[in-house]
Amino acid sequence: PEAGKIAYTKATCATCHKVKGEGIDFGPDLTQIGNKLSREGLFQAILYPNAAISHGFHGVTLTKKDGTALTGYITGETDAEIQIRLPGGVQQSVPKKEIQSNQPLENSLMPPGLAAIVGEQGLVDLVGYMQSLK
């Protein structure tokens, strides 16, 4: 797990995920991930992020009438506005009257290829660290 924590840092996981209150609140909180996914499930989630997207984290692109595009995931909606969480953990409210289109993304907001940053042993260590998060 200690080597895996180093791999977690090297793979920049904390730029989107929190563990025990540390990191950015964009992707799912990983504090209890060892209780939620098996070893195989963790490998799958890291290697193939598009295979299964956690509930509530399906990405969208909101294009505003002024041409501005916001990509993230919807965290709330009222009759008047949509709340979207953007990369970096920024929460933004967008009035519906300003939205031209709301397009769901086909792929995960988690980029593929992160395992290549840490290499084969780093990936094994990373999964070991994730398994220890309970």
C-alpha atoms as a PDB file:
ATOM      1  CA  PRO A   1       0.000   0.000   0.000  1.00  0.00           C
ATOM      2  CA  GLU A   2       2.814   2.491   0.700  1.00  0.00           C
ATOM      3  CA  ALA A   3       4.261   2.056  -2.806  1.00  0.00           C
ATOM      4  CA  GLY A   4       0.704   2.298  -4.129  1.00  0.00           C
ATOM      5  CA  LYS A   5       0.207   5.627  -2.404  1.00  0.00           C
ATOM      6  CA  ILE A   6       3.270   6.904  -4.270  1.00  0.00           C
ATOM      7  CA  ALA A   7       1.787   5.558  -7.530  1.00  0.00           C
ATOM      8  CA  TYR A   8      -1.519   7.295  -6.662  1.00  0.00           C
ATOM      9  CA  THR A   9       0.364  10.583  -6.449  1.00  0.00           C
ATOM     10  CA  LYS A  10       2.414   9.940  -9.599  1.00  0.00           C
ATOM     11  CA  ALA A  11      -0.717   9.075 -11.614  1.00  0.00           C
ATOM     12  CA  THR A  12      -2.261  12.384 -10.470  1.00  0.00           C
ATOM     13  CA  CYS A  13      -5.355  10.642  -9.077  1.00  0.00           C
ATOM     14  CA  ALA A  14      -5.809  13.374  -6.443  1.00  0.00           C
ATOM     15  CA  THR A  15      -6.509  15.944  -9.156  1.00  0.00           C
ATOM     16  CA  CYS A  16      -9.991  14.395  -9.400  1.00  0.00           C
ATOM     17  CA  HIS A  17     -10.461  12.112  -6.370  1.00  0.00           C
ATOM     18  CA  LYS A  18     -10.475  12.522  -2.619  1.00  0.00           C
ATOM     19  CA  VAL A  19      -9.064  10.025  -0.124  1.00  0.00           C
ATOM     20  CA  LYS A  20      -9.734  10.738   3.544  1.00  0.00           C
ATOM     21  CA  GLY A  21     -10.535  14.379   2.810  1.00  0.00           C
ATOM     22  CA  GLU A  22      -7.428  15.056   0.701  1.00  0.00           C
ATOM     23  CA  GLY A  23      -7.602  15.757  -3.015  1.00  0.00           C
ATOM     24  CA  ILE A  24     -10.088  17.382  -5.361  1.00  0.00           C
ATOM     25  CA  ASP A  25     -13.818  16.692  -5.164  1.00  0.00           C
ATOM     26  CA  PHE A  26     -14.540  15.884  -8.799  1.00  0.00           C
ATOM     27  CA  GLY A  27     -14.588  12.108  -9.276  1.00  0.00           C
ATOM     28  CA  PRO A  28     -15.916   9.559  -6.810  1.00  0.00           C
ATOM     29  CA  ASP A  29     -14.463   9.699  -3.285  1.00  0.00           C
ATOM     30  CA  LEU A  30     -12.070   6.755  -2.958  1.00  0.00           C
ATOM     31  CA  THR A  31     -11.854   6.663   0.854  1.00  0.00           C
ATOM     32  CA  GLN A  32     -13.842   3.399   1.049  1.00  0.00           C
ATOM     33  CA  ILE A  33     -13.116   2.010  -2.440  1.00  0.00           C
ATOM     34  CA  GLY A  34     -11.542  -1.152  -0.988  1.00  0.00           C
ATOM     35  CA  ASN A  35     -14.965  -2.074   0.418  1.00  0.00           C
ATOM     36  CA  LYS A  36     -16.735  -1.409  -2.881  1.00  0.00           C
ATOM     37  CA  LEU A  37     -14.613  -2.988  -5.616  1.00  0.00           C
ATOM     38  CA  SER A  38     -12.718  -6.255  -5.796  1.00  0.00           C
ATOM     39  CA  ARG A  39      -9.079  -6.391  -6.860  1.00  0.00           C
ATOM     40  CA  GLU A  40     -10.233  -7.269 -10.388  1.00  0.00           C
ATOM     41  CA  GLY A  41     -12.804  -4.479 -10.308  1.00  0.00           C
ATOM     42  CA  LEU A  42     -10.118  -1.956  -9.358  1.00  0.00           C
ATOM     43  CA  PHE A  43      -7.893  -3.065 -12.237  1.00  0.00           C
ATOM     44  CA  GLN A  44     -10.858  -2.780 -14.612  1.00  0.00           C
ATOM     45  CA  ALA A  45     -11.824   0.680 -13.352  1.00  0.00           C
ATOM     46  CA  ILE A  46      -8.288   2.001 -13.824  1.00  0.00           C
ATOM     47  CA  LEU A  47      -7.465   0.297 -17.112  1.00  0.00           C
ATOM     48  CA  TYR A  48     -10.890   0.698 -18.746  1.00  0.00           C
ATOM     49  CA  PRO A  49     -12.594   3.770 -17.261  1.00  0.00           C
ATOM     50  CA  ASN A  50     -15.236   3.774 -20.004  1.00  0.00           C
ATOM     51  CA  ALA A  51     -16.432   0.250 -19.166  1.00  0.00           C
ATOM     52  CA  ALA A  52     -18.427   1.298 -16.099  1.00  0.00           C
ATOM     53  CA  ILE A  53     -19.114   4.839 -14.964  1.00  0.00           C
ATOM     54  CA  SER A  54     -20.125   5.347 -11.338  1.00  0.00           C
ATOM     55  CA  HIS A  55     -23.724   6.425 -10.771  1.00  0.00           C
ATOM     56  CA  GLY A  56     -23.994  10.203 -10.772  1.00  0.00           C
ATOM     57  CA  PHE A  57     -20.726  10.728 -12.633  1.00  0.00           C
ATOM     58  CA  HIS A  58     -21.896  10.478 -16.251  1.00  0.00           C
ATOM     59  CA  GLY A  59     -20.379  13.386 -18.112  1.00  0.00           C
ATOM     60  CA  VAL A  60     -22.193  16.028 -20.113  1.00  0.00           C
ATOM     61  CA  THR A  61     -21.255  19.037 -22.171  1.00  0.00           C
ATOM     62  CA  LEU A  62     -23.495  22.037 -21.706  1.00  0.00           C
ATOM     63  CA  THR A  63     -23.122  24.488 -24.575  1.00  0.00           C
ATOM     64  CA  LYS A  64     -24.346  27.944 -23.776  1.00  0.00           C
ATOM     65  CA  LYS A  65     -25.928  30.280 -26.315  1.00  0.00           C
ATOM     66  CA  ASP A  66     -22.793  32.439 -26.235  1.00  0.00           C
ATOM     67  CA  GLY A  67     -20.764  29.422 -27.466  1.00  0.00           C
ATOM     68  CA  THR A  68     -19.155  28.604 -24.124  1.00  0.00           C
ATOM     69  CA  ALA A  69     -18.955  24.850 -23.487  1.00  0.00           C
ATOM     70  CA  LEU A  70     -18.865  23.397 -19.970  1.00  0.00           C
ATOM     71  CA  THR A  71     -17.934  19.735 -19.524  1.00  0.00           C
ATOM     72  CA  GLY A  72     -18.491  17.936 -16.240  1.00  0.00           C
ATOM     73  CA  TYR A  73     -21.369  16.117 -14.576  1.00  0.00           C
ATOM     74  CA  ILE A  74     -24.744  17.336 -13.387  1.00  0.00           C
ATOM     75  CA  THR A  75     -25.105  17.558  -9.613  1.00  0.00           C
ATOM     76  CA  GLY A  76     -28.539  19.147  -9.476  1.00  0.00           C
ATOM     77  CA  GLU A  77     -31.310  20.655 -11.515  1.00  0.00           C
ATOM     78  CA  THR A  78     -34.273  22.936 -10.903  1.00  0.00           C
ATOM     79  CA  ASP A  79     -36.838  24.389 -13.273  1.00  0.00           C
ATOM     80  CA  ALA A  80     -34.572  27.419 -13.730  1.00  0.00           C
ATOM     81  CA  GLU A  81     -30.991  26.073 -13.711  1.00  0.00           C
ATOM     82  CA  ILE A  82     -28.593  23.163 -13.931  1.00  0.00           C
ATOM     83  CA  GLN A  83     -25.755  22.709 -11.461  1.00  0.00           C
ATOM     84  CA  ILE A  84     -22.648  21.182 -13.017  1.00  0.00           C
ATOM     85  CA  ARG A  85     -19.408  20.095 -11.349  1.00  0.00           C
ATOM     86  CA  LEU A  86     -16.416  20.946 -13.507  1.00  0.00           C
ATOM     87  CA  PRO A  87     -12.870  19.554 -13.460  1.00  0.00           C
ATOM     88  CA  GLY A  88     -11.031  20.946 -10.465  1.00  0.00           C
ATOM     89  CA  GLY A  89     -14.132  20.423  -8.332  1.00  0.00           C
ATOM     90  CA  VAL A  90     -15.680  23.757  -9.291  1.00  0.00           C
ATOM     91  CA  GLN A  91     -19.469  23.821  -8.932  1.00  0.00           C
ATOM     92  CA  GLN A  92     -21.328  26.118 -11.338  1.00  0.00           C
ATOM     93  CA  SER A  93     -24.988  26.987 -11.765  1.00  0.00           C
ATOM     94  CA  VAL A  94     -26.110  27.642 -15.322  1.00  0.00           C
ATOM     95  CA  PRO A  95     -29.499  29.222 -16.021  1.00  0.00           C
ATOM     96  CA  LYS A  96     -31.462  26.972 -18.392  1.00  0.00           C
ATOM     97  CA  LYS A  97     -32.393  29.968 -20.516  1.00  0.00           C
ATOM     98  CA  GLU A  98     -28.661  30.326 -21.356  1.00  0.00           C
ATOM     99  CA  ILE A  99     -28.218  26.697 -22.456  1.00  0.00           C
ATOM    100  CA  GLN A 100     -28.275  25.896 -26.156  1.00  0.00           C
ATOM    101  CA  SER A 101     -27.609  22.152 -25.792  1.00  0.00           C
ATOM    102  CA  ASN A 102     -27.034  19.472 -23.159  1.00  0.00           C
ATOM    103  CA  GLN A 103     -25.100  16.563 -24.672  1.00  0.00           C
ATOM    104  CA  PRO A 104     -24.254  13.421 -22.694  1.00  0.00           C
ATOM    105  CA  LEU A 105     -20.694  12.160 -23.138  1.00  0.00           C
ATOM    106  CA  GLU A 106     -20.160   8.642 -24.404  1.00  0.00           C
ATOM    107  CA  ASN A 107     -16.930   8.192 -22.454  1.00  0.00           C
ATOM    108  CA  SER A 108     -15.919   8.557 -18.842  1.00  0.00           C
ATOM    109  CA  LEU A 109     -14.543  11.840 -17.585  1.00  0.00           C
ATOM    110  CA  MET A 110     -11.613   9.759 -16.276  1.00  0.00           C
ATOM    111  CA  PRO A 111      -9.032   9.702 -19.050  1.00  0.00           C
ATOM    112  CA  PRO A 112      -7.735   6.352 -20.284  1.00  0.00           C
ATOM    113  CA  GLY A 113      -4.045   5.553 -20.110  1.00  0.00           C
ATOM    114  CA  LEU A 114      -3.329   6.643 -16.552  1.00  0.00           C
ATOM    115  CA  ALA A 115      -1.828   3.222 -15.809  1.00  0.00           C
ATOM    116  CA  ALA A 116       0.907   3.941 -18.355  1.00  0.00           C
ATOM    117  CA  ILE A 117       2.151   6.762 -16.125  1.00  0.00           C
ATOM    118  CA  VAL A 118       3.019   4.363 -13.302  1.00  0.00           C
ATOM    119  CA  GLY A 119       3.954   1.240 -15.270  1.00  0.00           C
ATOM    120  CA  GLU A 120       3.026  -2.367 -14.579  1.00  0.00           C
ATOM    121  CA  GLN A 121       4.428  -2.605 -11.031  1.00  0.00           C
ATOM    122  CA  GLY A 122       3.064   0.815 -10.177  1.00  0.00           C
ATOM    123  CA  LEU A 123      -0.387  -0.316 -11.284  1.00  0.00           C
ATOM    124  CA  VAL A 124      -0.165  -3.403  -9.064  1.00  0.00           C
ATOM    125  CA  ASP A 125       0.955  -1.192  -6.168  1.00  0.00           C
ATOM    126  CA  LEU A 126      -1.828   1.314  -6.877  1.00  0.00           C
ATOM    127  CA  VAL A 127      -4.460  -1.416  -6.753  1.00  0.00           C
ATOM    128  CA  GLY A 128      -2.936  -2.659  -3.492  1.00  0.00           C
ATOM    129  CA  TYR A 129      -3.274   0.837  -2.058  1.00  0.00           C
ATOM    130  CA  MET A 130      -6.878   1.085  -3.258  1.00  0.00           C
ATOM    131  CA  GLN A 131      -7.679  -2.274  -1.663  1.00  0.00           C
ATOM    132  CA  SER A 132      -6.378  -0.946   1.655  1.00  0.00           C
ATOM    133  CA  LEU A 133      -8.847   1.967   1.600  1.00  0.00           C
ATOM    134  CA  LYS A 134     -11.620   0.664   3.847  1.00  0.00           C
END
